[in-house]
Amino acid sequence: MGLFTKERETVPCTVEVSHKFESLHAHVKFTNGAVVHPGDEVLVQGPPVMAPYGEIVIEDRIATITRASALERLWTRMTGDFEFMELCEFSFSEEVTL
């Protein structure tokens, strides 16, 4: 991995979406043991997973992990340690643009 280069890795994963009164969550677990590091991006392929109220939906999917470059990883570690990160965007739908 170079200073400015990025690598893409396609991995199998399991997506769990819970829409219950006790728990509202979405988790992704990589079934091949892949690990996400600071600065990496994960995109789960396929249509959005919709769980009706009161249910938990579990689906097997494919995810693409875009590995951060060495410079991005360093920047993420520095800004994360000093809490400079002011905005986090989490989207559970397809390619949402603001």
PDB file of N, CA and C in Angstrom:
ATOM      1  N   MET A   1       0.853  -1.171   0.000  1.00  0.00           N
ATOM      2  CA  MET A   1       0.000   0.000   0.000  1.00  0.00           C
ATOM      3  C   MET A   1       0.896   1.230   0.000  1.00  0.00           C
ATOM      4  N   GLY A   2       0.684   2.119  -0.956  1.00  0.00           N
ATOM      5  CA  GLY A   2       1.491   3.314  -1.075  1.00  0.00           C
ATOM      6  C   GLY A   2       0.934   4.474  -0.277  1.00  0.00           C
ATOM      7  N   LEU A   3       1.604   5.608  -0.413  1.00  0.00           N
ATOM      8  CA  LEU A   3       1.212   6.800   0.327  1.00  0.00           C
ATOM      9  C   LEU A   3      -0.136   7.345  -0.148  1.00  0.00           C
ATOM     10  N   PHE A   4      -0.404   7.245  -1.463  1.00  0.00           N
ATOM     11  CA  PHE A   4      -1.641   7.808  -2.016  1.00  0.00           C
ATOM     12  C   PHE A   4      -2.549   6.767  -2.673  1.00  0.00           C
ATOM     13  N   THR A   5      -2.130   5.518  -2.765  1.00  0.00           N
ATOM     14  CA  THR A   5      -2.919   4.511  -3.486  1.00  0.00           C
ATOM     15  C   THR A   5      -3.987   3.891  -2.598  1.00  0.00           C
ATOM     16  N   LYS A   6      -5.069   3.454  -3.247  1.00  0.00           N
ATOM     17  CA  LYS A   6      -6.167   2.782  -2.549  1.00  0.00           C
ATOM     18  C   LYS A   6      -6.344   1.399  -3.151  1.00  0.00           C
ATOM     19  N   GLU A   7      -6.748   0.461  -2.322  1.00  0.00           N
ATOM     20  CA  GLU A   7      -7.026  -0.895  -2.781  1.00  0.00           C
ATOM     21  C   GLU A   7      -8.480  -1.228  -2.484  1.00  0.00           C
ATOM     22  N   ARG A   8      -9.084  -2.014  -3.357  1.00  0.00           N
ATOM     23  CA  ARG A   8     -10.463  -2.466  -3.138  1.00  0.00           C
ATOM     24  C   ARG A   8     -10.437  -3.967  -2.907  1.00  0.00           C
ATOM     25  N   GLU A   9     -11.279  -4.399  -1.985  1.00  0.00           N
ATOM     26  CA  GLU A   9     -11.360  -5.809  -1.631  1.00  0.00           C
ATOM     27  C   GLU A   9     -12.834  -6.190  -1.556  1.00  0.00           C
ATOM     28  N   THR A  10     -13.233  -7.257  -2.244  1.00  0.00           N
ATOM     29  CA  THR A  10     -14.610  -7.731  -2.222  1.00  0.00           C
ATOM     30  C   THR A  10     -14.682  -8.918  -1.272  1.00  0.00           C
ATOM     31  N   VAL A  11     -15.580  -8.828  -0.293  1.00  0.00           N
ATOM     32  CA  VAL A  11     -15.673  -9.861   0.744  1.00  0.00           C
ATOM     33  C   VAL A  11     -17.129 -10.246   0.990  1.00  0.00           C
ATOM     34  N   PRO A  12     -17.371 -11.505   1.379  1.00  0.00           N
ATOM     35  CA  PRO A  12     -18.726 -11.897   1.762  1.00  0.00           C
ATOM     36  C   PRO A  12     -19.040 -11.366   3.158  1.00  0.00           C
ATOM     37  N   CYS A  13     -20.315 -11.049   3.396  1.00  0.00           N
ATOM     38  CA  CYS A  13     -20.697 -10.531   4.709  1.00  0.00           C
ATOM     39  C   CYS A  13     -22.127 -10.936   5.040  1.00  0.00           C
ATOM     40  N   THR A  14     -22.457 -10.788   6.306  1.00  0.00           N
ATOM     41  CA  THR A  14     -23.813 -11.020   6.792  1.00  0.00           C
ATOM     42  C   THR A  14     -24.319  -9.700   7.348  1.00  0.00           C
ATOM     43  N   VAL A  15     -25.504  -9.281   6.896  1.00  0.00           N
ATOM     44  CA  VAL A  15     -26.115  -8.037   7.355  1.00  0.00           C
ATOM     45  C   VAL A  15     -27.283  -8.400   8.270  1.00  0.00           C
ATOM     46  N   GLU A  16     -27.300  -7.795   9.458  1.00  0.00           N
ATOM     47  CA  GLU A  16     -28.402  -7.996  10.400  1.00  0.00           C
ATOM     48  C   GLU A  16     -29.034  -6.650  10.704  1.00  0.00           C
ATOM     49  N   VAL A  17     -30.332  -6.537  10.424  1.00  0.00           N
ATOM     50  CA  VAL A  17     -31.070  -5.304  10.692  1.00  0.00           C
ATOM     51  C   VAL A  17     -32.197  -5.639  11.659  1.00  0.00           C
ATOM     52  N   SER A  18     -32.240  -4.945  12.798  1.00  0.00           N
ATOM     53  CA  SER A  18     -33.267  -5.148  13.801  1.00  0.00           C
ATOM     54  C   SER A  18     -34.121  -3.892  13.902  1.00  0.00           C
ATOM     55  N   HIS A  19     -35.446  -4.091  13.887  1.00  0.00           N
ATOM     56  CA  HIS A  19     -36.378  -2.971  14.009  1.00  0.00           C
ATOM     57  C   HIS A  19     -37.395  -3.327  15.095  1.00  0.00           C
ATOM     58  N   LYS A  20     -36.871  -3.455  16.304  1.00  0.00           N
ATOM     59  CA  LYS A  20     -37.712  -3.805  17.446  1.00  0.00           C
ATOM     60  C   LYS A  20     -37.739  -2.656  18.441  1.00  0.00           C
ATOM     61  N   PHE A  21     -38.709  -2.693  19.337  1.00  0.00           N
ATOM     62  CA  PHE A  21     -38.789  -1.678  20.389  1.00  0.00           C
ATOM     63  C   PHE A  21     -37.541  -1.717  21.257  1.00  0.00           C
ATOM     64  N   GLU A  22     -37.044  -2.915  21.552  1.00  0.00           N
ATOM     65  CA  GLU A  22     -35.888  -3.079  22.423  1.00  0.00           C
ATOM     66  C   GLU A  22     -34.577  -2.724  21.736  1.00  0.00           C
ATOM     67  N   SER A  23     -34.519  -2.857  20.432  1.00  0.00           N
ATOM     68  CA  SER A  23     -33.250  -2.664  19.734  1.00  0.00           C
ATOM     69  C   SER A  23     -33.475  -2.240  18.284  1.00  0.00           C
ATOM     70  N   LEU A  24     -32.886  -1.134  17.920  1.00  0.00           N
ATOM     71  CA  LEU A  24     -32.896  -0.649  16.533  1.00  0.00           C
ATOM     72  C   LEU A  24     -31.444  -0.581  16.098  1.00  0.00           C
ATOM     73  N   HIS A  25     -31.010  -1.518  15.264  1.00  0.00           N
ATOM     74  CA  HIS A  25     -29.603  -1.550  14.864  1.00  0.00           C
ATOM     75  C   HIS A  25     -29.411  -2.207  13.500  1.00  0.00           C
ATOM     76  N   ALA A  26     -28.245  -1.964  12.951  1.00  0.00           N
ATOM     77  CA  ALA A  26     -27.809  -2.624  11.719  1.00  0.00           C
ATOM     78  C   ALA A  26     -26.341  -2.988  11.899  1.00  0.00           C
ATOM     79  N   HIS A  27     -26.014  -4.260  11.716  1.00  0.00           N
ATOM     80  CA  HIS A  27     -24.645  -4.739  11.879  1.00  0.00           C
ATOM     81  C   HIS A  27     -24.207  -5.463  10.610  1.00  0.00           C
ATOM     82  N   VAL A  28     -22.926  -5.315  10.285  1.00  0.00           N
ATOM     83  CA  VAL A  28     -22.320  -6.045   9.174  1.00  0.00           C
ATOM     84  C   VAL A  28     -21.166  -6.858   9.738  1.00  0.00           C
ATOM     85  N   LYS A  29     -21.171  -8.157   9.466  1.00  0.00           N
ATOM     86  CA  LYS A  29     -20.084  -9.037   9.906  1.00  0.00           C
ATOM     87  C   LYS A  29     -19.462  -9.674   8.677  1.00  0.00           C
ATOM     88  N   PHE A  30     -18.156  -9.525   8.536  1.00  0.00           N
ATOM     89  CA  PHE A  30     -17.449 -10.117   7.400  1.00  0.00           C
ATOM     90  C   PHE A  30     -17.217 -11.588   7.687  1.00  0.00           C
ATOM     91  N   THR A  31     -17.734 -12.457   6.835  1.00  0.00           N
ATOM     92  CA  THR A  31     -17.671 -13.897   7.087  1.00  0.00           C
ATOM     93  C   THR A  31     -16.305 -14.497   6.807  1.00  0.00           C
ATOM     94  N   ASN A  32     -15.427 -13.759   6.136  1.00  0.00           N
ATOM     95  CA  ASN A  32     -14.085 -14.280   5.875  1.00  0.00           C
ATOM     96  C   ASN A  32     -13.064 -13.738   6.881  1.00  0.00           C
ATOM     97  N   GLY A  33     -13.520 -12.980   7.878  1.00  0.00           N
ATOM     98  CA  GLY A  33     -12.618 -12.466   8.904  1.00  0.00           C
ATOM     99  C   GLY A  33     -11.925 -11.161   8.554  1.00  0.00           C
ATOM    100  N   ALA A  34     -12.361 -10.486   7.499  1.00  0.00           N
ATOM    101  CA  ALA A  34     -11.754  -9.204   7.109  1.00  0.00           C
ATOM    102  C   ALA A  34     -11.926  -8.186   8.234  1.00  0.00           C
ATOM    103  N   VAL A  35     -10.975  -7.273   8.338  1.00  0.00           N
ATOM    104  CA  VAL A  35     -10.984  -6.248   9.381  1.00  0.00           C
ATOM    105  C   VAL A  35     -10.981  -4.877   8.719  1.00  0.00           C
ATOM    106  N   VAL A  36     -11.792  -3.956   9.257  1.00  0.00           N
ATOM    107  CA  VAL A  36     -11.841  -2.586   8.757  1.00  0.00           C
ATOM    108  C   VAL A  36     -10.951  -1.731   9.652  1.00  0.00           C
ATOM    109  N   HIS A  37     -10.064  -0.961   9.038  1.00  0.00           N
ATOM    110  CA  HIS A  37      -9.124  -0.105   9.758  1.00  0.00           C
ATOM    111  C   HIS A  37      -9.565   1.356   9.654  1.00  0.00           C
ATOM    112  N   PRO A  38      -8.992   2.242  10.468  1.00  0.00           N
ATOM    113  CA  PRO A  38      -9.348   3.669  10.400  1.00  0.00           C
ATOM    114  C   PRO A  38      -9.183   4.222   8.985  1.00  0.00           C
ATOM    115  N   GLY A  39     -10.207   4.904   8.507  1.00  0.00           N
ATOM    116  CA  GLY A  39     -10.170   5.519   7.180  1.00  0.00           C
ATOM    117  C   GLY A  39     -10.731   4.648   6.070  1.00  0.00           C
ATOM    118  N   ASP A  40     -10.912   3.353   6.308  1.00  0.00           N
ATOM    119  CA  ASP A  40     -11.464   2.463   5.288  1.00  0.00           C
ATOM    120  C   ASP A  40     -12.949   2.743   5.094  1.00  0.00           C
ATOM    121  N   GLU A  41     -13.450   2.459   3.892  1.00  0.00           N
ATOM    122  CA  GLU A  41     -14.860   2.629   3.582  1.00  0.00           C
ATOM    123  C   GLU A  41     -15.452   1.277   3.208  1.00  0.00           C
ATOM    124  N   VAL A  42     -16.695   1.038   3.622  1.00  0.00           N
ATOM    125  CA  VAL A  42     -17.381  -0.226   3.323  1.00  0.00           C
ATOM    126  C   VAL A  42     -18.675   0.081   2.596  1.00  0.00           C
ATOM    127  N   LEU A  43     -18.900  -0.598   1.470  1.00  0.00           N
ATOM    128  CA  LEU A  43     -20.140  -0.474   0.712  1.00  0.00           C
ATOM    129  C   LEU A  43     -20.736  -1.868   0.550  1.00  0.00           C
ATOM    130  N   VAL A  44     -21.925  -2.086   1.123  1.00  0.00           N
ATOM    131  CA  VAL A  44     -22.601  -3.372   1.009  1.00  0.00           C
ATOM    132  C   VAL A  44     -23.429  -3.348  -0.266  1.00  0.00           C
ATOM    133  N   GLN A  45     -23.241  -4.353  -1.106  1.00  0.00           N
ATOM    134  CA  GLN A  45     -23.908  -4.421  -2.408  1.00  0.00           C
ATOM    135  C   GLN A  45     -25.359  -4.880  -2.244  1.00  0.00           C
ATOM    136  N   GLY A  46     -26.217  -4.466  -3.182  1.00  0.00           N
ATOM    137  CA  GLY A  46     -27.603  -4.920  -3.203  1.00  0.00           C
ATOM    138  C   GLY A  46     -28.572  -3.865  -2.729  1.00  0.00           C
ATOM    139  N   PRO A  47     -29.859  -4.199  -2.791  1.00  0.00           N
ATOM    140  CA  PRO A  47     -30.900  -3.249  -2.358  1.00  0.00           C
ATOM    141  C   PRO A  47     -30.873  -3.079  -0.839  1.00  0.00           C
ATOM    142  N   PRO A  48     -31.449  -1.994  -0.340  1.00  0.00           N
ATOM    143  CA  PRO A  48     -31.488  -1.779   1.111  1.00  0.00           C
ATOM    144  C   PRO A  48     -32.207  -2.932   1.826  1.00  0.00           C
ATOM    145  N   VAL A  49     -31.731  -3.255   3.000  1.00  0.00           N
ATOM    146  CA  VAL A  49     -32.369  -4.292   3.815  1.00  0.00           C
ATOM    147  C   VAL A  49     -33.428  -3.609   4.672  1.00  0.00           C
ATOM    148  N   MET A  50     -34.679  -4.009   4.493  1.00  0.00           N
ATOM    149  CA  MET A  50     -35.785  -3.405   5.225  1.00  0.00           C
ATOM    150  C   MET A  50     -36.350  -4.426   6.204  1.00  0.00           C
ATOM    151  N   ALA A  51     -36.384  -4.055   7.477  1.00  0.00           N
ATOM    152  CA  ALA A  51     -36.962  -4.930   8.492  1.00  0.00           C
ATOM    153  C   ALA A  51     -38.283  -4.330   8.961  1.00  0.00           C
ATOM    154  N   PRO A  52     -39.396  -5.060   8.834  1.00  0.00           N
ATOM    155  CA  PRO A  52     -40.674  -4.569   9.351  1.00  0.00           C
ATOM    156  C   PRO A  52     -40.599  -4.419  10.870  1.00  0.00           C
ATOM    157  N   TYR A  53     -41.436  -3.567  11.423  1.00  0.00           N
ATOM    158  CA  TYR A  53     -41.418  -3.335  12.860  1.00  0.00           C
ATOM    159  C   TYR A  53     -41.635  -4.655  13.619  1.00  0.00           C
ATOM    160  N   GLY A  54     -40.791  -4.869  14.618  1.00  0.00           N
ATOM    161  CA  GLY A  54     -40.892  -6.060  15.450  1.00  0.00           C
ATOM    162  C   GLY A  54     -40.113  -7.252  14.943  1.00  0.00           C
ATOM    163  N   GLU A  55     -39.331  -7.070  13.866  1.00  0.00           N
ATOM    164  CA  GLU A  55     -38.608  -8.202  13.287  1.00  0.00           C
ATOM    165  C   GLU A  55     -37.120  -7.917  13.155  1.00  0.00           C
ATOM    166  N   ILE A  56     -36.364  -9.007  12.979  1.00  0.00           N
ATOM    167  CA  ILE A  56     -34.932  -8.937  12.682  1.00  0.00           C
ATOM    168  C   ILE A  56     -34.729  -9.631  11.347  1.00  0.00           C
ATOM    169  N   VAL A  57     -34.052  -8.970  10.420  1.00  0.00           N
ATOM    170  CA  VAL A  57     -33.779  -9.540   9.097  1.00  0.00           C
ATOM    171  C   VAL A  57     -32.277  -9.783   8.985  1.00  0.00           C
ATOM    172  N   ILE A  58     -31.896 -10.994   8.580  1.00  0.00           N
ATOM    173  CA  ILE A  58     -30.491 -11.352   8.390  1.00  0.00           C
ATOM    174  C   ILE A  58     -30.317 -11.822   6.949  1.00  0.00           C
ATOM    175  N   GLU A  59     -29.382 -11.191   6.227  1.00  0.00           N
ATOM    176  CA  GLU A  59     -29.139 -11.543   4.825  1.00  0.00           C
ATOM    177  C   GLU A  59     -27.641 -11.684   4.569  1.00  0.00           C
ATOM    178  N   ASP A  60     -27.294 -12.598   3.664  1.00  0.00           N
ATOM    179  CA  ASP A  60     -25.907 -12.726   3.209  1.00  0.00           C
ATOM    180  C   ASP A  60     -25.724 -11.822   2.008  1.00  0.00           C
ATOM    181  N   ARG A  61     -24.672 -11.026   2.022  1.00  0.00           N
ATOM    182  CA  ARG A  61     -24.396 -10.070   0.954  1.00  0.00           C
ATOM    183  C   ARG A  61     -22.911 -10.085   0.610  1.00  0.00           C
ATOM    184  N   ILE A  62     -22.559  -9.250  -0.350  1.00  0.00           N
ATOM    185  CA  ILE A  62     -21.169  -9.001  -0.728  1.00  0.00           C
ATOM    186  C   ILE A  62     -20.881  -7.540  -0.401  1.00  0.00           C
ATOM    187  N   ALA A  63     -19.724  -7.295   0.198  1.00  0.00           N
ATOM    188  CA  ALA A  63     -19.328  -5.928   0.534  1.00  0.00           C
ATOM    189  C   ALA A  63     -18.011  -5.600  -0.149  1.00  0.00           C
ATOM    190  N   THR A  64     -17.851  -4.329  -0.500  1.00  0.00           N
ATOM    191  CA  THR A  64     -16.599  -3.843  -1.069  1.00  0.00           C
ATOM    192  C   THR A  64     -15.933  -2.949  -0.039  1.00  0.00           C
ATOM    193  N   ILE A  65     -14.722  -3.319   0.360  1.00  0.00           N
ATOM    194  CA  ILE A  65     -13.958  -2.509   1.302  1.00  0.00           C
ATOM    195  C   ILE A  65     -12.927  -1.728   0.503  1.00  0.00           C
ATOM    196  N   THR A  66     -12.989  -0.403   0.598  1.00  0.00           N
ATOM    197  CA  THR A  66     -11.993   0.453  -0.042  1.00  0.00           C
ATOM    198  C   THR A  66     -11.004   0.845   1.046  1.00  0.00           C
ATOM    199  N   ARG A  67      -9.795   0.343   0.926  1.00  0.00           N
ATOM    200  CA  ARG A  67      -8.761   0.577   1.924  1.00  0.00           C
ATOM    201  C   ARG A  67      -8.221   1.993   1.804  1.00  0.00           C
ATOM    202  N   ALA A  68      -8.044   2.642   2.934  1.00  0.00           N
ATOM    203  CA  ALA A  68      -7.498   3.996   2.958  1.00  0.00           C
ATOM    204  C   ALA A  68      -6.016   3.956   2.596  1.00  0.00           C
ATOM    205  N   SER A  69      -5.557   5.021   1.964  1.00  0.00           N
ATOM    206  CA  SER A  69      -4.128   5.121   1.678  1.00  0.00           C
ATOM    207  C   SER A  69      -3.393   5.376   2.989  1.00  0.00           C
ATOM    208  N   ALA A  70      -2.079   5.260   2.961  1.00  0.00           N
ATOM    209  CA  ALA A  70      -1.275   5.477   4.170  1.00  0.00           C
ATOM    210  C   ALA A  70      -1.484   6.886   4.710  1.00  0.00           C
ATOM    211  N   LEU A  71      -1.577   7.863   3.815  1.00  0.00           N
ATOM    212  CA  LEU A  71      -1.778   9.246   4.233  1.00  0.00           C
ATOM    213  C   LEU A  71      -3.167   9.431   4.866  1.00  0.00           C
ATOM    214  N   GLU A  72      -4.195   8.854   4.253  1.00  0.00           N
ATOM    215  CA  GLU A  72      -5.554   8.946   4.809  1.00  0.00           C
ATOM    216  C   GLU A  72      -5.646   8.251   6.168  1.00  0.00           C
ATOM    217  N   ARG A  73      -4.987   7.114   6.288  1.00  0.00           N
ATOM    218  CA  ARG A  73      -5.007   6.381   7.552  1.00  0.00           C
ATOM    219  C   ARG A  73      -4.351   7.188   8.669  1.00  0.00           C
ATOM    220  N   LEU A  74      -3.217   7.815   8.347  1.00  0.00           N
ATOM    221  CA  LEU A  74      -2.512   8.657   9.312  1.00  0.00           C
ATOM    222  C   LEU A  74      -3.390   9.839   9.723  1.00  0.00           C
ATOM    223  N   TRP A  75      -4.014  10.494   8.742  1.00  0.00           N
ATOM    224  CA  TRP A  75      -4.878  11.645   9.021  1.00  0.00           C
ATOM    225  C   TRP A  75      -6.068  11.234   9.893  1.00  0.00           C
ATOM    226  N   THR A  76      -6.668  10.097   9.588  1.00  0.00           N
ATOM    227  CA  THR A  76      -7.808   9.621  10.367  1.00  0.00           C
ATOM    228  C   THR A  76      -7.405   9.336  11.813  1.00  0.00           C
ATOM    229  N   ARG A  77      -6.257   8.727  11.999  1.00  0.00           N
ATOM    230  CA  ARG A  77      -5.778   8.448  13.358  1.00  0.00           C
ATOM    231  C   ARG A  77      -5.499   9.737  14.121  1.00  0.00           C
ATOM    232  N   MET A  78      -4.878  10.705  13.450  1.00  0.00           N
ATOM    233  CA  MET A  78      -4.553  11.964  14.121  1.00  0.00           C
ATOM    234  C   MET A  78      -5.817  12.729  14.506  1.00  0.00           C
ATOM    235  N   THR A  79      -6.729  12.883  13.576  1.00  0.00           N
ATOM    236  CA  THR A  79      -7.938  13.660  13.857  1.00  0.00           C
ATOM    237  C   THR A  79      -8.882  12.918  14.783  1.00  0.00           C
ATOM    238  N   GLY A  80      -8.908  11.606  14.709  1.00  0.00           N
ATOM    239  CA  GLY A  80      -9.759  10.826  15.601  1.00  0.00           C
ATOM    240  C   GLY A  80      -9.269  10.887  17.031  1.00  0.00           C
ATOM    241  N   ASP A  81      -7.957  10.842  17.223  1.00  0.00           N
ATOM    242  CA  ASP A  81      -7.391  10.898  18.568  1.00  0.00           C
ATOM    243  C   ASP A  81      -7.650  12.238  19.235  1.00  0.00           C
ATOM    244  N   PHE A  82      -7.653  13.300  18.459  1.00  0.00           N
ATOM    245  CA  PHE A  82      -7.858  14.632  19.026  1.00  0.00           C
ATOM    246  C   PHE A  82      -9.302  15.113  18.914  1.00  0.00           C
ATOM    247  N   GLU A  83     -10.184  14.228  18.473  1.00  0.00           N
ATOM    248  CA  GLU A  83     -11.612  14.513  18.355  1.00  0.00           C
ATOM    249  C   GLU A  83     -11.910  15.736  17.486  1.00  0.00           C
ATOM    250  N   PHE A  84     -11.213  15.850  16.349  1.00  0.00           N
ATOM    251  CA  PHE A  84     -11.477  16.929  15.407  1.00  0.00           C
ATOM    252  C   PHE A  84     -12.642  16.589  14.470  1.00  0.00           C
ATOM    253  N   MET A  85     -13.059  15.337  14.512  1.00  0.00           N
ATOM    254  CA  MET A  85     -14.117  14.905  13.603  1.00  0.00           C
ATOM    255  C   MET A  85     -15.442  15.492  14.071  1.00  0.00           C
ATOM    256  N   GLU A  86     -16.044  16.347  13.272  1.00  0.00           N
ATOM    257  CA  GLU A  86     -17.261  17.038  13.667  1.00  0.00           C
ATOM    258  C   GLU A  86     -18.511  16.473  13.020  1.00  0.00           C
ATOM    259  N   LEU A  87     -18.361  15.774  11.915  1.00  0.00           N
ATOM    260  CA  LEU A  87     -19.529  15.316  11.182  1.00  0.00           C
ATOM    261  C   LEU A  87     -19.335  13.869  10.765  1.00  0.00           C
ATOM    262  N   CYS A  88     -20.291  13.017  11.106  1.00  0.00           N
ATOM    263  CA  CYS A  88     -20.295  11.626  10.670  1.00  0.00           C
ATOM    264  C   CYS A  88     -21.547  11.414   9.843  1.00  0.00           C
ATOM    265  N   GLU A  89     -21.396  10.781   8.714  1.00  0.00           N
ATOM    266  CA  GLU A  89     -22.554  10.485   7.872  1.00  0.00           C
ATOM    267  C   GLU A  89     -22.739   8.977   7.829  1.00  0.00           C
ATOM    268  N   PHE A  90     -23.920   8.503   8.215  1.00  0.00           N
ATOM    269  CA  PHE A  90     -24.253   7.098   8.142  1.00  0.00           C
ATOM    270  C   PHE A  90     -25.495   6.977   7.282  1.00  0.00           C
ATOM    271  N   SER A  91     -25.409   6.157   6.270  1.00  0.00           N
ATOM    272  CA  SER A  91     -26.540   6.001   5.368  1.00  0.00           C
ATOM    273  C   SER A  91     -26.831   4.517   5.204  1.00  0.00           C
ATOM    274  N   PHE A  92     -28.102   4.142   5.359  1.00  0.00           N
ATOM    275  CA  PHE A  92     -28.506   2.775   5.190  1.00  0.00           C
ATOM    276  C   PHE A  92     -29.315   2.606   3.905  1.00  0.00           C
ATOM    277  N   SER A  93     -29.088   3.473   2.947  1.00  0.00           N
ATOM    278  CA  SER A  93     -29.792   3.379   1.680  1.00  0.00           C
ATOM    279  C   SER A  93     -28.785   3.476   0.552  1.00  0.00           C
ATOM    280  N   GLU A  94     -29.256   3.345  -0.666  1.00  0.00           N
ATOM    281  CA  GLU A  94     -28.381   3.317  -1.831  1.00  0.00           C
ATOM    282  C   GLU A  94     -27.902   4.702  -2.216  1.00  0.00           C
ATOM    283  N   GLU A  95     -26.597   4.874  -2.326  1.00  0.00           N
ATOM    284  CA  GLU A  95     -25.964   6.055  -2.925  1.00  0.00           C
ATOM    285  C   GLU A  95     -26.698   7.360  -2.662  1.00  0.00           C
ATOM    286  N   VAL A  96     -26.870   7.727  -1.421  1.00  0.00           N
ATOM    287  CA  VAL A  96     -27.553   8.966  -1.072  1.00  0.00           C
ATOM    288  C   VAL A  96     -26.572  10.119  -1.182  1.00  0.00           C
ATOM    289  N   THR A  97     -26.987  11.198  -1.848  1.00  0.00           N
ATOM    290  CA  THR A  97     -26.146  12.388  -1.942  1.00  0.00           C
ATOM    291  C   THR A  97     -26.842  13.528  -1.238  1.00  0.00           C
ATOM    292  N   LEU A  98     -26.058  14.320  -0.554  1.00  0.00           N
ATOM    293  CA  LEU A  98     -26.625  15.451   0.181  1.00  0.00           C
ATOM    294  C   LEU A  98     -26.470  16.726  -0.607  1.00  0.00           C
TER     295      LEU A  98
END
